[in-house]
C-alpha cells in the first residue's frame, strides 16, 4: 500500500472545548488509484488532507508514505489543491503562479515553462487578468496548475469540482484520469457522490472523525447489495404471478425492482416467470456509493 494511516488522531481546542477532528483513523491506501475521501461537512476530511500534505501534525499516530515516515522532503513530491481558493484579488494570476511555484522550489525559468504548458493544456488565455476578474472555475484551474506542476506522484485535491459548470468539470475529470493513467495516485475529497462510482477506484468514508468504511468501490457495492434486481417484461408487472417472498416495486407498467429472499435464486425466479412472460431485461441492481454513504451516515 502507498499510504498507511496508523491510529491517526487530531483534536482542536476551541472556546467551546476540544473538538475531535480525527479519532484513531487506521487505513491503507493503494498506489496508482483514484481514492475518494467522503464524509459530511465537519467530518475530518480536510484535516486528514492537511496532515497528509504536512500542513498539520497529528496529535498521535503515524502516517507513512511508500514505507517512509511522512516528512517535509517526502511531501515535496505531492501536489495539493486546498478547498480555499486563496488567490490575491488584485494580482494577475500569472504573476501569482510564478511566485508560488518559485516558493515551491521551481527556478524562474522552470516556473515559466510550467505556466506556459498548463496555460495551453487547461485553456487559460486569461492569466494576465487579476484574480478578482476570474470566475470560480478559472480560479480553480489556477489552483489546479499549482497542484499539477512538476508531475507530482501523489495529488491531494480538496473539493476540486465544487461550483464548476459541467463542461469544466468534465475537462478536469478527464485530466485527472490521464494523470492517474500515467502513474500518479489521486486522493480527492468530494461531495459529488454521483461521480464516485465512475471516477473512484477506492473509497474512504469518514464521519465524526472516525473511519466507517474503506475499500474498493466495486467490492463495497457488492458488500452492500441487498439482493435487488431490475426486470422488464412483456406482460404487465401487476399481472404476473410472483413467487412468495419476492418484494416487487413497480417502476412502470412493464418494469420493476425486485428484492429476492435468500431462499430464492435469480435463476429459480426466471424459471417461474418465463412460462408467463418474455423477459426483456434482467440484472442485479447494485447500490451506488451515494446510497451506501447515506445508509452509513444515517445509522451513525
C-alpha atoms as a PDB file:
ATOM      1  CA  UNK A   1       0.000   0.000   0.000  1.00  0.00           C
ATOM      2  CA  UNK A   2       1.196   3.532  -0.769  1.00  0.00           C
ATOM      3  CA  UNK A   3      -0.181   5.408   2.253  1.00  0.00           C
ATOM      4  CA  UNK A   4      -0.553   3.947   5.724  1.00  0.00           C
ATOM      5  CA  UNK A   5      -2.592   5.718   8.395  1.00  0.00           C
ATOM      6  CA  UNK A   6      -1.773   4.263  11.792  1.00  0.00           C
ATOM      7  CA  UNK A   7      -4.181   5.328  14.537  1.00  0.00           C
ATOM      8  CA  UNK A   8      -4.075   8.960  13.364  1.00  0.00           C
ATOM      9  CA  UNK A   9      -5.822  11.350  15.767  1.00  0.00           C
ATOM     10  CA  UNK A  10      -6.224  15.122  15.864  1.00  0.00           C
ATOM     11  CA  UNK A  11      -8.027  17.290  18.424  1.00  0.00           C
ATOM     12  CA  UNK A  12      -8.529  21.064  18.152  1.00  0.00           C
ATOM     13  CA  UNK A  13      -9.016  23.361  21.126  1.00  0.00           C
ATOM     14  CA  UNK A  14     -11.933  25.787  20.748  1.00  0.00           C
ATOM     15  CA  UNK A  15     -13.677  28.275  23.070  1.00  0.00           C
ATOM     16  CA  UNK A  16     -16.390  25.650  23.489  1.00  0.00           C
ATOM     17  CA  UNK A  17     -13.949  22.908  24.383  1.00  0.00           C
ATOM     18  CA  UNK A  18     -11.963  20.265  22.495  1.00  0.00           C
ATOM     19  CA  UNK A  19     -13.197  19.126  19.086  1.00  0.00           C
ATOM     20  CA  UNK A  20     -12.130  15.706  17.849  1.00  0.00           C
ATOM     21  CA  UNK A  21     -11.341  16.072  14.151  1.00  0.00           C
ATOM     22  CA  UNK A  22      -9.834  12.597  13.685  1.00  0.00           C
ATOM     23  CA  UNK A  23     -10.240   9.676  16.057  1.00  0.00           C
ATOM     24  CA  UNK A  24      -7.659   6.887  15.613  1.00  0.00           C
ATOM     25  CA  UNK A  25      -8.076   6.615  11.841  1.00  0.00           C
ATOM     26  CA  UNK A  26      -6.432   3.464  10.510  1.00  0.00           C
ATOM     27  CA  UNK A  27      -6.292   2.722   6.787  1.00  0.00           C
ATOM     28  CA  UNK A  28      -4.021   1.565   3.979  1.00  0.00           C
ATOM     29  CA  UNK A  29      -4.427   3.286   0.614  1.00  0.00           C
ATOM     30  CA  UNK A  30      -3.383   1.744  -2.703  1.00  0.00           C
ATOM     31  CA  UNK A  31      -0.994   3.185  -5.283  1.00  0.00           C
ATOM     32  CA  UNK A  32      -1.979   4.323  -8.778  1.00  0.00           C
ATOM     33  CA  UNK A  33      -5.685   4.652  -7.989  1.00  0.00           C
ATOM     34  CA  UNK A  34      -8.325   7.357  -7.665  1.00  0.00           C
ATOM     35  CA  UNK A  35      -9.263   7.380  -3.983  1.00  0.00           C
ATOM     36  CA  UNK A  36     -12.419   9.159  -2.900  1.00  0.00           C
ATOM     37  CA  UNK A  37     -12.417  10.738   0.555  1.00  0.00           C
ATOM     38  CA  UNK A  38     -16.059  11.066   1.571  1.00  0.00           C
ATOM     39  CA  UNK A  39     -17.891  12.440   4.570  1.00  0.00           C
ATOM     40  CA  UNK A  40     -20.386  15.118   5.644  1.00  0.00           C
ATOM     41  CA  UNK A  41     -19.208  18.658   6.374  1.00  0.00           C
ATOM     42  CA  UNK A  42     -17.083  18.704   9.518  1.00  0.00           C
ATOM     43  CA  UNK A  43     -16.278  15.001   9.331  1.00  0.00           C
ATOM     44  CA  UNK A  44     -12.485  15.465   9.307  1.00  0.00           C
ATOM     45  CA  UNK A  45     -11.705  15.175   5.584  1.00  0.00           C
ATOM     46  CA  UNK A  46      -9.848  18.473   5.236  1.00  0.00           C
ATOM     47  CA  UNK A  47      -7.920  17.818   8.462  1.00  0.00           C
ATOM     48  CA  UNK A  48      -6.777  14.470   7.092  1.00  0.00           C
ATOM     49  CA  UNK A  49      -5.666  16.027   3.790  1.00  0.00           C
ATOM     50  CA  UNK A  50      -3.711  18.717   5.650  1.00  0.00           C
ATOM     51  CA  UNK A  51      -1.963  16.058   7.718  1.00  0.00           C
ATOM     52  CA  UNK A  52      -1.115  14.076   4.590  1.00  0.00           C
ATOM     53  CA  UNK A  53       0.397  17.122   2.898  1.00  0.00           C
ATOM     54  CA  UNK A  54       2.346  18.107   6.020  1.00  0.00           C
ATOM     55  CA  UNK A  55       0.443  21.285   6.937  1.00  0.00           C
ATOM     56  CA  UNK A  56      -0.752  19.757  10.217  1.00  0.00           C
ATOM     57  CA  UNK A  57       0.794  17.229  12.569  1.00  0.00           C
ATOM     58  CA  UNK A  58      -1.334  14.511  14.155  1.00  0.00           C
ATOM     59  CA  UNK A  59      -1.596  14.555  17.948  1.00  0.00           C
ATOM     60  CA  UNK A  60      -0.985  10.830  17.925  1.00  0.00           C
ATOM     61  CA  UNK A  61      -0.486   8.066  15.418  1.00  0.00           C
ATOM     62  CA  UNK A  62       1.668   7.982  12.324  1.00  0.00           C
ATOM     63  CA  UNK A  63       1.441   8.457   8.562  1.00  0.00           C
ATOM     64  CA  UNK A  64       3.798   6.514   6.303  1.00  0.00           C
ATOM     65  CA  UNK A  65       4.265   7.021   2.570  1.00  0.00           C
ATOM     66  CA  UNK A  66       5.834   4.245   0.480  1.00  0.00           C
ATOM     67  CA  UNK A  67       7.141   2.765   3.727  1.00  0.00           C
ATOM     68  CA  UNK A  68       8.719   6.024   4.916  1.00  0.00           C
ATOM     69  CA  UNK A  69       7.600   8.331   7.730  1.00  0.00           C
ATOM     70  CA  UNK A  70       5.940  11.440   6.357  1.00  0.00           C
ATOM     71  CA  UNK A  71       8.496  14.269   6.181  1.00  0.00           C
ATOM     72  CA  UNK A  72       8.916  17.654   4.533  1.00  0.00           C
ATOM     73  CA  UNK A  73      11.107  16.074   1.874  1.00  0.00           C
ATOM     74  CA  UNK A  74       8.531  13.387   1.116  1.00  0.00           C
ATOM     75  CA  UNK A  75       5.738  15.983   0.928  1.00  0.00           C
ATOM     76  CA  UNK A  76       7.663  17.870  -1.776  1.00  0.00           C
ATOM     77  CA  UNK A  77       6.665  15.024  -4.088  1.00  0.00           C
ATOM     78  CA  UNK A  78       2.962  15.789  -3.566  1.00  0.00           C
ATOM     79  CA  UNK A  79       0.603  18.217  -5.257  1.00  0.00           C
ATOM     80  CA  UNK A  80      -2.089  19.851  -3.106  1.00  0.00           C
ATOM     81  CA  UNK A  81      -5.197  21.820  -4.024  1.00  0.00           C
ATOM     82  CA  UNK A  82      -6.941  23.273  -0.944  1.00  0.00           C
ATOM     83  CA  UNK A  83     -10.660  23.934  -0.799  1.00  0.00           C
ATOM     84  CA  UNK A  84      -9.999  27.621  -0.083  1.00  0.00           C
ATOM     85  CA  UNK A  85      -9.138  29.464  -3.312  1.00  0.00           C
ATOM     86  CA  UNK A  86      -6.718  31.873  -1.619  1.00  0.00           C
ATOM     87  CA  UNK A  87      -5.593  33.983  -4.583  1.00  0.00           C
ATOM     88  CA  UNK A  88      -4.694  37.655  -4.169  1.00  0.00           C
ATOM     89  CA  UNK A  89      -7.596  39.552  -5.795  1.00  0.00           C
ATOM     90  CA  UNK A  90      -5.592  42.432  -7.312  1.00  0.00           C
ATOM     91  CA  UNK A  91      -2.638  40.444  -8.669  1.00  0.00           C
ATOM     92  CA  UNK A  92      -2.509  38.853 -12.102  1.00  0.00           C
ATOM     93  CA  UNK A  93      -2.997  35.100 -11.984  1.00  0.00           C
ATOM     94  CA  UNK A  94       0.195  34.510 -13.977  1.00  0.00           C
ATOM     95  CA  UNK A  95       2.288  36.520 -11.513  1.00  0.00           C
ATOM     96  CA  UNK A  96       0.808  34.583  -8.616  1.00  0.00           C
ATOM     97  CA  UNK A  97       1.554  31.266 -10.292  1.00  0.00           C
ATOM     98  CA  UNK A  98       5.154  32.283 -10.934  1.00  0.00           C
ATOM     99  CA  UNK A  99       5.625  33.470  -7.344  1.00  0.00           C
ATOM    100  CA  UNK A 100       4.003  30.416  -5.737  1.00  0.00           C
ATOM    101  CA  UNK A 101       5.856  27.951  -7.956  1.00  0.00           C
ATOM    102  CA  UNK A 102       9.142  29.599  -7.015  1.00  0.00           C
ATOM    103  CA  UNK A 103       8.179  29.273  -3.353  1.00  0.00           C
ATOM    104  CA  UNK A 104       7.770  25.546  -4.017  1.00  0.00           C
ATOM    105  CA  UNK A 105      11.346  25.389  -5.290  1.00  0.00           C
ATOM    106  CA  UNK A 106      10.963  25.880  -9.044  1.00  0.00           C
ATOM    107  CA  UNK A 107      13.511  28.122 -10.741  1.00  0.00           C
ATOM    108  CA  UNK A 108      12.057  31.125 -12.548  1.00  0.00           C
ATOM    109  CA  UNK A 109      12.643  29.510 -15.956  1.00  0.00           C
ATOM    110  CA  UNK A 110      11.066  26.191 -14.855  1.00  0.00           C
ATOM    111  CA  UNK A 111       8.104  28.069 -13.383  1.00  0.00           C
ATOM    112  CA  UNK A 112       7.611  29.863 -16.713  1.00  0.00           C
ATOM    113  CA  UNK A 113       7.722  26.530 -18.569  1.00  0.00           C
ATOM    114  CA  UNK A 114       5.067  25.068 -16.257  1.00  0.00           C
ATOM    115  CA  UNK A 115       2.855  28.140 -16.678  1.00  0.00           C
ATOM    116  CA  UNK A 116       3.114  28.036 -20.477  1.00  0.00           C
ATOM    117  CA  UNK A 117       2.369  24.298 -20.563  1.00  0.00           C
ATOM    118  CA  UNK A 118      -0.647  24.430 -18.275  1.00  0.00           C
ATOM    119  CA  UNK A 119      -1.991  27.637 -19.822  1.00  0.00           C
ATOM    120  CA  UNK A 120      -2.331  25.691 -23.062  1.00  0.00           C
ATOM    121  CA  UNK A 121      -3.349  22.381 -21.514  1.00  0.00           C
ATOM    122  CA  UNK A 122      -6.090  23.938 -19.360  1.00  0.00           C
ATOM    123  CA  UNK A 123      -7.134  26.600 -21.876  1.00  0.00           C
ATOM    124  CA  UNK A 124      -6.157  29.626 -19.769  1.00  0.00           C
ATOM    125  CA  UNK A 125      -5.539  32.577 -22.158  1.00  0.00           C
ATOM    126  CA  UNK A 126      -6.706  34.956 -19.406  1.00  0.00           C
ATOM    127  CA  UNK A 127      -3.795  34.517 -16.961  1.00  0.00           C
ATOM    128  CA  UNK A 128      -2.835  38.185 -17.244  1.00  0.00           C
ATOM    129  CA  UNK A 129      -6.106  39.175 -15.549  1.00  0.00           C
ATOM    130  CA  UNK A 130      -6.241  39.854 -11.788  1.00  0.00           C
ATOM    131  CA  UNK A 131      -7.808  37.069  -9.737  1.00  0.00           C
ATOM    132  CA  UNK A 132     -10.874  39.181  -8.878  1.00  0.00           C
ATOM    133  CA  UNK A 133     -11.737  39.258 -12.589  1.00  0.00           C
ATOM    134  CA  UNK A 134     -11.768  35.458 -12.837  1.00  0.00           C
ATOM    135  CA  UNK A 135     -14.730  33.155 -12.402  1.00  0.00           C
ATOM    136  CA  UNK A 136     -14.650  30.439  -9.766  1.00  0.00           C
ATOM    137  CA  UNK A 137     -13.895  27.853 -12.439  1.00  0.00           C
ATOM    138  CA  UNK A 138     -10.977  29.932 -13.717  1.00  0.00           C
ATOM    139  CA  UNK A 139      -9.557  30.316 -10.211  1.00  0.00           C
ATOM    140  CA  UNK A 140      -9.813  26.579  -9.674  1.00  0.00           C
ATOM    141  CA  UNK A 141      -7.816  25.991 -12.857  1.00  0.00           C
ATOM    142  CA  UNK A 142      -5.103  28.274 -11.456  1.00  0.00           C
ATOM    143  CA  UNK A 143      -5.072  26.312  -8.190  1.00  0.00           C
ATOM    144  CA  UNK A 144      -5.046  23.030 -10.099  1.00  0.00           C
ATOM    145  CA  UNK A 145      -1.997  24.231 -12.040  1.00  0.00           C
ATOM    146  CA  UNK A 146      -0.142  24.660  -8.748  1.00  0.00           C
ATOM    147  CA  UNK A 147      -1.077  21.122  -7.747  1.00  0.00           C
ATOM    148  CA  UNK A 148      -0.136  19.544 -11.086  1.00  0.00           C
ATOM    149  CA  UNK A 149       3.118  21.408 -11.721  1.00  0.00           C
ATOM    150  CA  UNK A 150       6.168  19.161 -11.717  1.00  0.00           C
ATOM    151  CA  UNK A 151       4.146  15.950 -12.235  1.00  0.00           C
ATOM    152  CA  UNK A 152       3.739  15.008  -8.536  1.00  0.00           C
ATOM    153  CA  UNK A 153       3.328  11.330  -7.755  1.00  0.00           C
ATOM    154  CA  UNK A 154       0.517  11.980  -5.256  1.00  0.00           C
ATOM    155  CA  UNK A 155      -2.269  14.511  -5.816  1.00  0.00           C
ATOM    156  CA  UNK A 156      -4.412  15.625  -2.877  1.00  0.00           C
ATOM    157  CA  UNK A 157      -7.408  17.675  -4.013  1.00  0.00           C
ATOM    158  CA  UNK A 158      -9.998  19.170  -1.665  1.00  0.00           C
ATOM    159  CA  UNK A 159     -13.379  19.624  -3.418  1.00  0.00           C
ATOM    160  CA  UNK A 160     -11.845  20.207  -6.870  1.00  0.00           C
ATOM    161  CA  UNK A 161     -15.238  20.071  -8.633  1.00  0.00           C
ATOM    162  CA  UNK A 162     -17.079  22.446  -6.292  1.00  0.00           C
ATOM    163  CA  UNK A 163     -19.006  25.102  -8.205  1.00  0.00           C
ATOM    164  CA  UNK A 164     -17.761  24.056 -11.639  1.00  0.00           C
ATOM    165  CA  UNK A 165     -20.053  24.006 -14.652  1.00  0.00           C
ATOM    166  CA  UNK A 166     -20.448  20.573 -16.317  1.00  0.00           C
ATOM    167  CA  UNK A 167     -18.047  21.339 -19.186  1.00  0.00           C
ATOM    168  CA  UNK A 168     -15.167  22.478 -16.954  1.00  0.00           C
ATOM    169  CA  UNK A 169     -15.835  19.606 -14.527  1.00  0.00           C
ATOM    170  CA  UNK A 170     -15.663  17.090 -17.393  1.00  0.00           C
ATOM    171  CA  UNK A 171     -12.362  18.623 -18.603  1.00  0.00           C
ATOM    172  CA  UNK A 172     -10.901  18.409 -15.104  1.00  0.00           C
ATOM    173  CA  UNK A 173     -12.073  14.828 -14.621  1.00  0.00           C
ATOM    174  CA  UNK A 174     -10.502  13.765 -17.936  1.00  0.00           C
ATOM    175  CA  UNK A 175      -7.213  15.424 -16.978  1.00  0.00           C
ATOM    176  CA  UNK A 176      -7.133  13.713 -13.587  1.00  0.00           C
ATOM    177  CA  UNK A 177      -7.840  10.334 -15.179  1.00  0.00           C
ATOM    178  CA  UNK A 178      -4.946  10.977 -17.532  1.00  0.00           C
ATOM    179  CA  UNK A 179      -2.558  11.723 -14.667  1.00  0.00           C
ATOM    180  CA  UNK A 180      -3.548   8.509 -12.865  1.00  0.00           C
ATOM    181  CA  UNK A 181      -3.095   6.534 -16.102  1.00  0.00           C
ATOM    182  CA  UNK A 182       0.428   7.964 -16.203  1.00  0.00           C
ATOM    183  CA  UNK A 183       1.171   6.581 -12.736  1.00  0.00           C
ATOM    184  CA  UNK A 184       0.019   9.205 -10.237  1.00  0.00           C
ATOM    185  CA  UNK A 185      -2.167   8.441  -7.240  1.00  0.00           C
ATOM    186  CA  UNK A 186      -5.139  10.754  -6.644  1.00  0.00           C
ATOM    187  CA  UNK A 187      -6.811  11.340  -3.287  1.00  0.00           C
ATOM    188  CA  UNK A 188      -9.757  13.670  -3.585  1.00  0.00           C
ATOM    189  CA  UNK A 189     -12.312  14.944  -1.147  1.00  0.00           C
ATOM    190  CA  UNK A 190     -15.640  15.436  -2.888  1.00  0.00           C
ATOM    191  CA  UNK A 191     -19.317  15.991  -2.220  1.00  0.00           C
ATOM    192  CA  UNK A 192     -20.194  14.992  -5.795  1.00  0.00           C
ATOM    193  CA  UNK A 193     -21.155  11.457  -4.874  1.00  0.00           C
ATOM    194  CA  UNK A 194     -22.643  10.794  -8.294  1.00  0.00           C
ATOM    195  CA  UNK A 195     -19.077  10.835  -9.669  1.00  0.00           C
ATOM    196  CA  UNK A 196     -17.630   8.382  -7.187  1.00  0.00           C
ATOM    197  CA  UNK A 197     -18.973   5.215  -8.832  1.00  0.00           C
ATOM    198  CA  UNK A 198     -17.366   6.101 -12.167  1.00  0.00           C
ATOM    199  CA  UNK A 199     -14.279   8.076 -11.074  1.00  0.00           C
ATOM    200  CA  UNK A 200     -13.045   6.431  -7.862  1.00  0.00           C
ATOM    201  CA  UNK A 201     -11.413   3.014  -7.590  1.00  0.00           C
ATOM    202  CA  UNK A 202     -11.228   3.135  -3.804  1.00  0.00           C
ATOM    203  CA  UNK A 203     -13.281   4.907  -1.125  1.00  0.00           C
ATOM    204  CA  UNK A 204     -12.750   6.155   2.424  1.00  0.00           C
ATOM    205  CA  UNK A 205     -15.788   7.310   4.396  1.00  0.00           C
ATOM    206  CA  UNK A 206     -15.100   9.447   7.465  1.00  0.00           C
ATOM    207  CA  UNK A 207     -17.872  10.591   9.792  1.00  0.00           C
ATOM    208  CA  UNK A 208     -17.455  12.471  13.077  1.00  0.00           C
ATOM    209  CA  UNK A 209     -13.708  11.957  12.846  1.00  0.00           C
ATOM    210  CA  UNK A 210     -13.914   8.179  12.617  1.00  0.00           C
ATOM    211  CA  UNK A 211     -13.322   5.874   9.671  1.00  0.00           C
ATOM    212  CA  UNK A 212     -16.539   3.999   8.911  1.00  0.00           C
ATOM    213  CA  UNK A 213     -15.750   2.453   5.554  1.00  0.00           C
ATOM    214  CA  UNK A 214     -12.726   1.731   3.367  1.00  0.00           C
ATOM    215  CA  UNK A 215     -12.339  -0.438   0.319  1.00  0.00           C
ATOM    216  CA  UNK A 216     -12.515  -0.810  -3.440  1.00  0.00           C
ATOM    217  CA  UNK A 217     -15.620   0.762  -4.932  1.00  0.00           C
ATOM    218  CA  UNK A 218     -16.738  -2.400  -6.719  1.00  0.00           C
ATOM    219  CA  UNK A 219     -16.222  -4.531  -3.594  1.00  0.00           C
ATOM    220  CA  UNK A 220     -18.193  -2.145  -1.389  1.00  0.00           C
ATOM    221  CA  UNK A 221     -21.111  -2.031  -3.821  1.00  0.00           C
ATOM    222  CA  UNK A 222     -21.213  -5.831  -3.794  1.00  0.00           C
ATOM    223  CA  UNK A 223     -20.929  -5.972   0.015  1.00  0.00           C
ATOM    224  CA  UNK A 224     -23.937  -3.682   0.500  1.00  0.00           C
ATOM    225  CA  UNK A 225     -26.064  -5.289  -2.215  1.00  0.00           C
ATOM    226  CA  UNK A 226     -29.469  -6.303  -0.839  1.00  0.00           C
ATOM    227  CA  UNK A 227     -30.424  -8.896  -3.470  1.00  0.00           C
ATOM    228  CA  UNK A 228     -32.119  -6.261  -5.620  1.00  0.00           C
ATOM    229  CA  UNK A 229     -32.767  -6.842  -9.327  1.00  0.00           C
ATOM    230  CA  UNK A 230     -34.208  -4.831 -12.181  1.00  0.00           C
ATOM    231  CA  UNK A 231     -36.574  -6.535 -14.592  1.00  0.00           C
ATOM    232  CA  UNK A 232     -38.512  -5.618 -17.727  1.00  0.00           C
ATOM    233  CA  UNK A 233     -41.206  -7.936 -19.038  1.00  0.00           C
ATOM    234  CA  UNK A 234     -43.690  -8.048 -21.948  1.00  0.00           C
ATOM    235  CA  UNK A 235     -46.560  -8.732 -19.548  1.00  0.00           C
ATOM    236  CA  UNK A 236     -47.622  -6.019 -17.083  1.00  0.00           C
ATOM    237  CA  UNK A 237     -45.809  -6.417 -13.783  1.00  0.00           C
ATOM    238  CA  UNK A 238     -49.107  -6.350 -11.875  1.00  0.00           C
ATOM    239  CA  UNK A 239     -50.430  -9.352 -13.834  1.00  0.00           C
ATOM    240  CA  UNK A 240     -47.523 -11.706 -13.146  1.00  0.00           C
ATOM    241  CA  UNK A 241     -47.594 -14.492 -10.509  1.00  0.00           C
ATOM    242  CA  UNK A 242     -44.629 -13.528  -8.365  1.00  0.00           C
ATOM    243  CA  UNK A 243     -43.116 -16.218  -6.099  1.00  0.00           C
ATOM    244  CA  UNK A 244     -43.743 -15.969  -2.371  1.00  0.00           C
ATOM    245  CA  UNK A 245     -41.294 -13.676  -0.609  1.00  0.00           C
ATOM    246  CA  UNK A 246     -40.394 -11.531  -3.638  1.00  0.00           C
ATOM    247  CA  UNK A 247     -40.884  -7.818  -2.942  1.00  0.00           C
ATOM    248  CA  UNK A 248     -42.000  -6.082  -6.127  1.00  0.00           C
ATOM    249  CA  UNK A 249     -41.681  -2.313  -6.569  1.00  0.00           C
ATOM    250  CA  UNK A 250     -43.161  -1.296  -9.957  1.00  0.00           C
ATOM    251  CA  UNK A 251     -41.230   1.375 -11.874  1.00  0.00           C
ATOM    252  CA  UNK A 252     -43.651   1.403 -14.804  1.00  0.00           C
ATOM    253  CA  UNK A 253     -46.240  -0.993 -16.259  1.00  0.00           C
ATOM    254  CA  UNK A 254     -43.545  -3.336 -17.514  1.00  0.00           C
ATOM    255  CA  UNK A 255     -40.535  -2.576 -15.291  1.00  0.00           C
ATOM    256  CA  UNK A 256     -39.953  -3.275 -11.602  1.00  0.00           C
ATOM    257  CA  UNK A 257     -37.387  -3.552  -8.848  1.00  0.00           C
ATOM    258  CA  UNK A 258     -37.349  -6.950  -7.188  1.00  0.00           C
ATOM    259  CA  UNK A 259     -35.907  -7.904  -3.826  1.00  0.00           C
ATOM    260  CA  UNK A 260     -35.402 -11.638  -3.578  1.00  0.00           C
ATOM    261  CA  UNK A 261     -35.394 -13.642  -0.329  1.00  0.00           C
ATOM    262  CA  UNK A 262     -32.298 -15.694   0.491  1.00  0.00           C
ATOM    263  CA  UNK A 263     -34.246 -18.861  -0.307  1.00  0.00           C
ATOM    264  CA  UNK A 264     -34.843 -17.884  -3.953  1.00  0.00           C
ATOM    265  CA  UNK A 265     -32.086 -17.640  -6.575  1.00  0.00           C
ATOM    266  CA  UNK A 266     -32.280 -15.440  -9.653  1.00  0.00           C
ATOM    267  CA  UNK A 267     -32.331 -18.475 -11.951  1.00  0.00           C
ATOM    268  CA  UNK A 268     -35.199 -20.038  -9.987  1.00  0.00           C
ATOM    269  CA  UNK A 269     -37.175 -16.803 -10.247  1.00  0.00           C
ATOM    270  CA  UNK A 270     -36.716 -16.692 -14.015  1.00  0.00           C
ATOM    271  CA  UNK A 271     -37.767 -20.329 -14.380  1.00  0.00           C
ATOM    272  CA  UNK A 272     -41.053 -19.498 -12.667  1.00  0.00           C
ATOM    273  CA  UNK A 273     -41.639 -16.337 -14.713  1.00  0.00           C
ATOM    274  CA  UNK A 274     -40.727 -17.453 -18.235  1.00  0.00           C
ATOM    275  CA  UNK A 275     -43.880 -19.542 -18.822  1.00  0.00           C
ATOM    276  CA  UNK A 276     -45.918 -16.357 -18.210  1.00  0.00           C
ATOM    277  CA  UNK A 277     -43.898 -13.635 -19.966  1.00  0.00           C
ATOM    278  CA  UNK A 278     -40.915 -12.787 -22.087  1.00  0.00           C
ATOM    279  CA  UNK A 279     -38.162 -11.131 -20.040  1.00  0.00           C
ATOM    280  CA  UNK A 280     -36.622  -8.252 -21.976  1.00  0.00           C
ATOM    281  CA  UNK A 281     -34.156  -7.207 -19.300  1.00  0.00           C
ATOM    282  CA  UNK A 282     -32.930  -8.674 -16.021  1.00  0.00           C
ATOM    283  CA  UNK A 283     -29.901  -7.552 -13.989  1.00  0.00           C
ATOM    284  CA  UNK A 284     -28.615  -7.029 -10.478  1.00  0.00           C
ATOM    285  CA  UNK A 285     -29.277  -3.586  -9.032  1.00  0.00           C
ATOM    286  CA  UNK A 286     -26.142  -2.783  -7.036  1.00  0.00           C
ATOM    287  CA  UNK A 287     -26.274   0.190  -4.667  1.00  0.00           C
ATOM    288  CA  UNK A 288     -24.451   3.362  -5.622  1.00  0.00           C
ATOM    289  CA  UNK A 289     -21.768   4.773  -3.340  1.00  0.00           C
ATOM    290  CA  UNK A 290     -24.184   7.627  -2.647  1.00  0.00           C
ATOM    291  CA  UNK A 291     -26.782   5.146  -1.340  1.00  0.00           C
ATOM    292  CA  UNK A 292     -24.177   3.386   0.795  1.00  0.00           C
ATOM    293  CA  UNK A 293     -22.940   6.746   2.105  1.00  0.00           C
ATOM    294  CA  UNK A 294     -26.443   7.855   3.125  1.00  0.00           C
ATOM    295  CA  UNK A 295     -27.156   4.492   4.762  1.00  0.00           C
ATOM    296  CA  UNK A 296     -23.988   4.576   6.892  1.00  0.00           C
ATOM    297  CA  UNK A 297     -24.255   8.229   7.874  1.00  0.00           C
ATOM    298  CA  UNK A 298     -27.912   7.779   8.819  1.00  0.00           C
ATOM    299  CA  UNK A 299     -27.087   4.796  11.051  1.00  0.00           C
ATOM    300  CA  UNK A 300     -24.087   6.545  12.612  1.00  0.00           C
END
